[in-house]
C-alpha atoms as a PDB file:
ATOM      1  CA  UNK A   1       0.213   0.039  -0.238  1.00  0.00           C
ATOM      2  CA  UNK A   2       1.376   3.241  -0.554  1.00  0.00           C
ATOM      3  CA  UNK A   3       0.752   6.459   1.263  1.00  0.00           C
ATOM      4  CA  UNK A   4      -1.169   9.332   0.391  1.00  0.00           C
ATOM      5  CA  UNK A   5       1.015  12.316  -1.360  1.00  0.00           C
ATOM      6  CA  UNK A   6       0.380  14.619   1.040  1.00  0.00           C
ATOM      7  CA  UNK A   7       1.252  12.547   4.064  1.00  0.00           C
ATOM      8  CA  UNK A   8       4.679  11.653   2.689  1.00  0.00           C
ATOM      9  CA  UNK A   9       4.777  15.654   2.009  1.00  0.00           C
ATOM     10  CA  UNK A  10       4.124  16.245   5.586  1.00  0.00           C
ATOM     11  CA  UNK A  11       7.122  13.744   6.054  1.00  0.00           C
ATOM     12  CA  UNK A  12       9.240  15.265   4.249  1.00  0.00           C
ATOM     13  CA  UNK A  13       8.841  18.533   5.676  1.00  0.00           C
ATOM     14  CA  UNK A  14       9.336  17.294   9.302  1.00  0.00           C
ATOM     15  CA  UNK A  15      12.684  15.496   8.254  1.00  0.00           C
ATOM     16  CA  UNK A  16      13.954  18.520   6.515  1.00  0.00           C
ATOM     17  CA  UNK A  17      12.906  21.083   9.748  1.00  0.00           C
ATOM     18  CA  UNK A  18      14.477  18.370  12.445  1.00  0.00           C
ATOM     19  CA  UNK A  19      17.302  18.132  10.010  1.00  0.00           C
ATOM     20  CA  UNK A  20      17.914  22.190  10.167  1.00  0.00           C
ATOM     21  CA  UNK A  21      17.376  22.243  14.006  1.00  0.00           C
ATOM     22  CA  UNK A  22      20.127  19.289  14.605  1.00  0.00           C
ATOM     23  CA  UNK A  23      22.610  20.220  12.092  1.00  0.00           C
ATOM     24  CA  UNK A  24      24.911  23.424  14.463  1.00  0.00           C
ATOM     25  CA  UNK A  25      24.710  26.626  12.882  1.00  0.00           C
ATOM     26  CA  UNK A  26      27.477  28.964  12.300  1.00  0.00           C
ATOM     27  CA  UNK A  27      26.939  32.294  14.439  1.00  0.00           C
ATOM     28  CA  UNK A  28      28.235  35.137  12.104  1.00  0.00           C
ATOM     29  CA  UNK A  29      28.571  37.640  15.228  1.00  0.00           C
ATOM     30  CA  UNK A  30      27.646  38.356  18.916  1.00  0.00           C
ATOM     31  CA  UNK A  31      24.881  39.836  19.898  1.00  0.00           C
ATOM     32  CA  UNK A  32      25.184  43.659  21.790  1.00  0.00           C
ATOM     33  CA  UNK A  33      23.657  42.885  24.886  1.00  0.00           C
ATOM     34  CA  UNK A  34      26.128  39.315  25.790  1.00  0.00           C
ATOM     35  CA  UNK A  35      28.865  41.786  24.566  1.00  0.00           C
ATOM     36  CA  UNK A  36      27.937  44.641  27.598  1.00  0.00           C
ATOM     37  CA  UNK A  37      27.191  41.805  29.958  1.00  0.00           C
ATOM     38  CA  UNK A  38      30.560  40.512  29.617  1.00  0.00           C
ATOM     39  CA  UNK A  39      32.235  44.532  29.454  1.00  0.00           C
ATOM     40  CA  UNK A  40      30.044  44.511  32.964  1.00  0.00           C
ATOM     41  CA  UNK A  41      31.138  41.841  34.393  1.00  0.00           C
ATOM     42  CA  UNK A  42      34.772  42.444  33.920  1.00  0.00           C
ATOM     43  CA  UNK A  43      34.759  39.470  30.999  1.00  0.00           C
ATOM     44  CA  UNK A  44      38.294  40.504  28.516  1.00  0.00           C
ATOM     45  CA  UNK A  45      36.071  39.319  24.847  1.00  0.00           C
ATOM     46  CA  UNK A  46      38.050  40.197  22.075  1.00  0.00           C
ATOM     47  CA  UNK A  47      40.675  42.783  23.193  1.00  0.00           C
ATOM     48  CA  UNK A  48      41.537  45.579  20.044  1.00  0.00           C
ATOM     49  CA  UNK A  49      44.409  45.674  18.226  1.00  0.00           C
ATOM     50  CA  UNK A  50      47.071  48.219  19.535  1.00  0.00           C
ATOM     51  CA  UNK A  51      46.853  51.434  17.512  1.00  0.00           C
ATOM     52  CA  UNK A  52      49.422  52.588  15.509  1.00  0.00           C
ATOM     53  CA  UNK A  53      50.169  56.305  15.305  1.00  0.00           C
ATOM     54  CA  UNK A  54      49.268  58.097  11.984  1.00  0.00           C
ATOM     55  CA  UNK A  55      52.284  59.556  10.283  1.00  0.00           C
ATOM     56  CA  UNK A  56      51.062  62.897  11.103  1.00  0.00           C
ATOM     57  CA  UNK A  57      51.150  61.857  15.100  1.00  0.00           C
ATOM     58  CA  UNK A  58      55.034  60.334  14.446  1.00  0.00           C
ATOM     59  CA  UNK A  59      56.064  63.985  12.676  1.00  0.00           C
ATOM     60  CA  UNK A  60      54.834  65.719  15.909  1.00  0.00           C
ATOM     61  CA  UNK A  61      56.181  63.437  18.209  1.00  0.00           C
ATOM     62  CA  UNK A  62      59.726  63.722  16.406  1.00  0.00           C
ATOM     63  CA  UNK A  63      59.323  67.478  16.507  1.00  0.00           C
ATOM     64  CA  UNK A  64      58.658  67.518  20.085  1.00  0.00           C
ATOM     65  CA  UNK A  65      55.141  69.080  19.062  1.00  0.00           C
ATOM     66  CA  UNK A  66      51.766  68.902  20.570  1.00  0.00           C
ATOM     67  CA  UNK A  67      48.726  68.356  18.662  1.00  0.00           C
ATOM     68  CA  UNK A  68      47.610  71.799  19.457  1.00  0.00           C
ATOM     69  CA  UNK A  69      50.971  73.153  18.607  1.00  0.00           C
ATOM     70  CA  UNK A  70      50.598  71.384  15.339  1.00  0.00           C
ATOM     71  CA  UNK A  71      47.314  72.663  14.461  1.00  0.00           C
ATOM     72  CA  UNK A  72      48.541  76.195  15.278  1.00  0.00           C
ATOM     73  CA  UNK A  73      51.818  76.265  12.612  1.00  0.00           C
ATOM     74  CA  UNK A  74      49.474  74.902   9.873  1.00  0.00           C
ATOM     75  CA  UNK A  75      47.232  77.833  10.663  1.00  0.00           C
ATOM     76  CA  UNK A  76      49.358  80.222  10.979  1.00  0.00           C
ATOM     77  CA  UNK A  77      51.187  79.182   7.537  1.00  0.00           C
ATOM     78  CA  UNK A  78      47.872  79.525   5.644  1.00  0.00           C
ATOM     79  CA  UNK A  79      47.341  82.694   7.295  1.00  0.00           C
ATOM     80  CA  UNK A  80      50.660  83.969   5.961  1.00  0.00           C
ATOM     81  CA  UNK A  81      50.388  82.209   2.735  1.00  0.00           C
ATOM     82  CA  UNK A  82      46.482  83.545   2.183  1.00  0.00           C
ATOM     83  CA  UNK A  83      45.161  86.449   4.366  1.00  0.00           C
ATOM     84  CA  UNK A  84      42.381  87.256   2.002  1.00  0.00           C
ATOM     85  CA  UNK A  85      41.119  83.490   1.475  1.00  0.00           C
ATOM     86  CA  UNK A  86      41.756  83.469   5.828  1.00  0.00           C
ATOM     87  CA  UNK A  87      39.575  86.478   6.784  1.00  0.00           C
ATOM     88  CA  UNK A  88      36.501  85.080   4.377  1.00  0.00           C
ATOM     89  CA  UNK A  89      37.040  82.025   6.446  1.00  0.00           C
ATOM     90  CA  UNK A  90      36.538  83.660   9.333  1.00  0.00           C
ATOM     91  CA  UNK A  91      33.893  86.351   8.683  1.00  0.00           C
ATOM     92  CA  UNK A  92      31.731  82.647   7.418  1.00  0.00           C
ATOM     93  CA  UNK A  93      32.452  81.021  10.855  1.00  0.00           C
ATOM     94  CA  UNK A  94      31.622  84.115  12.509  1.00  0.00           C
ATOM     95  CA  UNK A  95      27.931  84.331  10.641  1.00  0.00           C
ATOM     96  CA  UNK A  96      27.296  80.804  11.696  1.00  0.00           C
ATOM     97  CA  UNK A  97      27.624  81.598  14.930  1.00  0.00           C
END
């Protein structure tokens, strides 16, 4: 005796569903709330790679300058090079405020 078509289809669908549930799935990411809980609990988790200094930071360190001093030096050079453009920039900035 053969089983009706719908009964075979139902058994086939159940077998696929069971295989899906039993097959181990690869997780692509950790949910944010789990990461927050690990950080709150003091867990190490994954550590970020060490920060590599940018070429500008290396240049400033060699010259013994801070970031603020380096910015001031660049701005002064721009003002000396083109005072009209720097005046326009300052006027526009003051109008926005």
